[in-house]
């Protein structure tokens, strides 16, 4: 089973996926999702990273996560 950790900030998302660390920049996320960065949800970012993510719980907007 894979474990994905997402850490959000104003300029992008730090990701740890299967032990590999990388960063998704804000512009890349906006292009992929076709929404402004604050309106993107954690579930949408997870779907960029994982092929078949377990989307349990309510999606949260990045604006709400980073406050």
N, C-alpha and C. Protein backbone atom coordinates (compact mmCIF):
# COMPACT_ATOMS: atom_id res chain seq x y z
N UNK A 1 0.84 -1.19 0.00
CA UNK A 1 0.00 0.00 0.00
C UNK A 1 0.89 1.25 0.00
N UNK A 2 0.55 2.21 -0.82
CA UNK A 2 1.39 3.40 -0.91
C UNK A 2 0.86 4.47 0.02
N UNK A 3 1.78 5.30 0.47
CA UNK A 3 1.44 6.40 1.36
C UNK A 3 1.86 7.69 0.67
N UNK A 4 0.93 8.62 0.56
CA UNK A 4 1.21 9.90 -0.06
C UNK A 4 0.99 11.00 0.98
N UNK A 5 1.97 11.90 1.10
CA UNK A 5 1.87 13.02 2.00
C UNK A 5 1.93 14.30 1.17
N UNK A 6 0.95 15.19 1.37
CA UNK A 6 0.90 16.46 0.68
C UNK A 6 1.09 17.58 1.69
N UNK A 7 2.02 18.50 1.41
CA UNK A 7 2.25 19.67 2.27
C UNK A 7 2.07 20.92 1.43
N UNK A 8 1.02 21.69 1.73
CA UNK A 8 0.62 22.84 0.92
C UNK A 8 1.24 24.13 1.44
N UNK A 9 1.63 25.03 0.51
CA UNK A 9 1.98 26.41 0.87
C UNK A 9 1.52 27.32 -0.27
N UNK A 10 1.86 28.59 -0.19
CA UNK A 10 1.34 29.57 -1.15
C UNK A 10 1.85 29.38 -2.57
N UNK A 11 2.97 28.67 -2.74
CA UNK A 11 3.58 28.57 -4.07
C UNK A 11 3.55 27.17 -4.67
N UNK A 12 2.97 26.21 -3.94
CA UNK A 12 2.90 24.86 -4.48
C UNK A 12 2.71 23.82 -3.39
N UNK A 13 2.98 22.57 -3.77
CA UNK A 13 2.75 21.45 -2.88
C UNK A 13 4.00 20.57 -2.84
N UNK A 14 4.50 20.30 -1.64
CA UNK A 14 5.55 19.31 -1.46
C UNK A 14 4.87 17.96 -1.33
N UNK A 15 5.37 16.98 -2.09
CA UNK A 15 4.74 15.66 -2.14
C UNK A 15 5.77 14.61 -1.74
N UNK A 16 5.33 13.65 -0.92
CA UNK A 16 6.10 12.43 -0.70
C UNK A 16 5.21 11.29 -1.18
N UNK A 17 5.65 10.60 -2.23
CA UNK A 17 4.87 9.53 -2.85
C UNK A 17 5.75 8.28 -2.92
N UNK A 18 5.34 7.23 -2.22
CA UNK A 18 6.12 5.98 -2.18
C UNK A 18 7.58 6.24 -1.83
N UNK A 19 7.82 7.15 -0.89
CA UNK A 19 9.17 7.43 -0.45
C UNK A 19 9.95 8.42 -1.31
N UNK A 20 9.35 8.88 -2.41
CA UNK A 20 10.00 9.85 -3.30
C UNK A 20 9.44 11.24 -3.02
N UNK A 21 10.34 12.19 -2.80
CA UNK A 21 9.92 13.57 -2.52
C UNK A 21 10.05 14.41 -3.78
N UNK A 22 9.02 15.20 -4.06
CA UNK A 22 9.08 16.15 -5.17
C UNK A 22 8.12 17.29 -4.91
N UNK A 23 8.16 18.30 -5.77
CA UNK A 23 7.32 19.48 -5.59
C UNK A 23 6.48 19.72 -6.83
N UNK A 24 5.21 20.04 -6.62
CA UNK A 24 4.32 20.49 -7.69
C UNK A 24 4.15 21.99 -7.53
N UNK A 25 4.61 22.76 -8.50
CA UNK A 25 4.50 24.21 -8.43
C UNK A 25 3.06 24.65 -8.68
N UNK A 26 2.71 25.78 -8.13
CA UNK A 26 1.36 26.36 -8.24
C UNK A 26 0.89 26.42 -9.70
N UNK A 27 1.75 26.90 -10.60
CA UNK A 27 1.37 27.07 -12.01
C UNK A 27 1.07 25.72 -12.67
N UNK A 28 1.84 24.70 -12.35
CA UNK A 28 1.61 23.37 -12.90
C UNK A 28 0.25 22.83 -12.44
N UNK A 29 -0.06 23.03 -11.16
CA UNK A 29 -1.34 22.56 -10.61
C UNK A 29 -2.50 23.30 -11.27
N UNK A 30 -2.37 24.62 -11.42
CA UNK A 30 -3.43 25.40 -12.07
C UNK A 30 -3.65 24.94 -13.51
N UNK A 31 -2.57 24.68 -14.24
CA UNK A 31 -2.69 24.21 -15.63
C UNK A 31 -3.35 22.83 -15.69
N UNK A 32 -2.98 21.95 -14.78
CA UNK A 32 -3.52 20.59 -14.79
C UNK A 32 -4.99 20.54 -14.40
N UNK A 33 -5.39 21.36 -13.42
CA UNK A 33 -6.76 21.30 -12.89
C UNK A 33 -7.67 22.31 -13.58
N UNK A 34 -7.09 23.35 -14.19
CA UNK A 34 -7.86 24.41 -14.83
C UNK A 34 -8.72 25.19 -13.84
N UNK A 35 -8.12 25.47 -12.68
CA UNK A 35 -8.73 26.31 -11.64
C UNK A 35 -7.62 27.18 -11.06
N UNK A 36 -8.02 28.27 -10.41
CA UNK A 36 -7.01 29.06 -9.70
C UNK A 36 -6.55 28.25 -8.47
N UNK A 37 -5.30 28.40 -8.13
CA UNK A 37 -4.67 27.58 -7.07
C UNK A 37 -5.47 27.55 -5.76
N UNK A 38 -5.95 28.69 -5.24
CA UNK A 38 -6.69 28.63 -3.96
C UNK A 38 -7.97 27.80 -4.03
N UNK A 39 -8.54 27.63 -5.23
CA UNK A 39 -9.80 26.89 -5.38
C UNK A 39 -9.61 25.41 -5.65
N UNK A 40 -8.38 24.98 -5.90
CA UNK A 40 -8.08 23.56 -6.11
C UNK A 40 -8.23 22.84 -4.77
N UNK A 41 -8.69 21.58 -4.80
CA UNK A 41 -8.85 20.81 -3.56
C UNK A 41 -7.70 19.82 -3.38
N UNK A 42 -7.54 19.37 -2.13
CA UNK A 42 -6.53 18.37 -1.84
C UNK A 42 -6.80 17.08 -2.63
N UNK A 43 -8.06 16.73 -2.84
CA UNK A 43 -8.40 15.53 -3.62
C UNK A 43 -7.94 15.67 -5.06
N UNK A 44 -8.08 16.87 -5.64
CA UNK A 44 -7.65 17.08 -7.02
C UNK A 44 -6.13 16.95 -7.15
N UNK A 45 -5.39 17.47 -6.17
CA UNK A 45 -3.93 17.33 -6.20
C UNK A 45 -3.55 15.85 -6.06
N UNK A 46 -4.23 15.14 -5.17
CA UNK A 46 -3.95 13.72 -4.98
C UNK A 46 -4.19 12.94 -6.27
N UNK A 47 -5.18 13.33 -7.06
CA UNK A 47 -5.45 12.66 -8.32
C UNK A 47 -4.36 12.92 -9.37
N UNK A 48 -3.62 14.02 -9.24
CA UNK A 48 -2.47 14.26 -10.11
C UNK A 48 -1.35 13.28 -9.75
N UNK A 49 -1.18 13.03 -8.47
CA UNK A 49 -0.06 12.24 -7.97
C UNK A 49 -0.31 10.74 -8.11
N UNK A 50 -1.47 10.28 -7.69
CA UNK A 50 -1.76 8.85 -7.65
C UNK A 50 -2.71 8.44 -8.78
N UNK A 51 -2.51 7.24 -9.28
CA UNK A 51 -3.37 6.74 -10.36
C UNK A 51 -4.79 6.44 -9.86
N UNK A 52 -4.90 5.84 -8.68
CA UNK A 52 -6.22 5.49 -8.13
C UNK A 52 -6.23 5.82 -6.64
N UNK A 53 -6.30 7.11 -6.30
CA UNK A 53 -6.22 7.49 -4.87
C UNK A 53 -7.47 7.11 -4.10
N UNK A 54 -7.29 6.90 -2.80
CA UNK A 54 -8.41 6.69 -1.89
C UNK A 54 -8.88 8.07 -1.43
N UNK A 55 -9.98 8.53 -1.98
CA UNK A 55 -10.46 9.88 -1.70
C UNK A 55 -11.49 9.85 -0.57
N UNK A 56 -11.02 9.51 0.62
CA UNK A 56 -11.93 9.47 1.76
C UNK A 56 -12.02 10.86 2.39
N UNK A 57 -13.12 11.12 3.06
CA UNK A 57 -13.32 12.41 3.70
C UNK A 57 -13.74 13.47 2.70
N UNK A 58 -14.00 14.65 3.22
CA UNK A 58 -14.44 15.78 2.38
C UNK A 58 -13.23 16.45 1.75
N UNK A 59 -13.33 16.84 0.46
CA UNK A 59 -12.25 17.60 -0.15
C UNK A 59 -12.12 18.98 0.50
N UNK A 60 -10.88 19.44 0.62
CA UNK A 60 -10.63 20.76 1.22
C UNK A 60 -9.92 21.65 0.21
N UNK A 61 -10.36 22.89 0.08
CA UNK A 61 -9.73 23.86 -0.81
C UNK A 61 -8.36 24.26 -0.25
N UNK A 62 -7.40 24.49 -1.14
CA UNK A 62 -6.07 24.90 -0.72
C UNK A 62 -6.15 26.18 0.10
N UNK A 63 -7.03 27.12 -0.31
CA UNK A 63 -7.18 28.38 0.45
C UNK A 63 -7.53 28.11 1.90
N UNK A 64 -8.34 27.09 2.17
CA UNK A 64 -8.73 26.74 3.54
C UNK A 64 -7.60 26.03 4.27
N UNK A 65 -6.81 25.25 3.55
CA UNK A 65 -5.72 24.50 4.17
C UNK A 65 -4.60 25.43 4.62
N UNK A 66 -4.22 26.38 3.75
CA UNK A 66 -3.08 27.26 4.10
C UNK A 66 -3.54 28.49 4.86
N UNK A 67 -4.85 28.66 4.98
CA UNK A 67 -5.41 29.73 5.79
C UNK A 67 -5.20 31.08 5.22
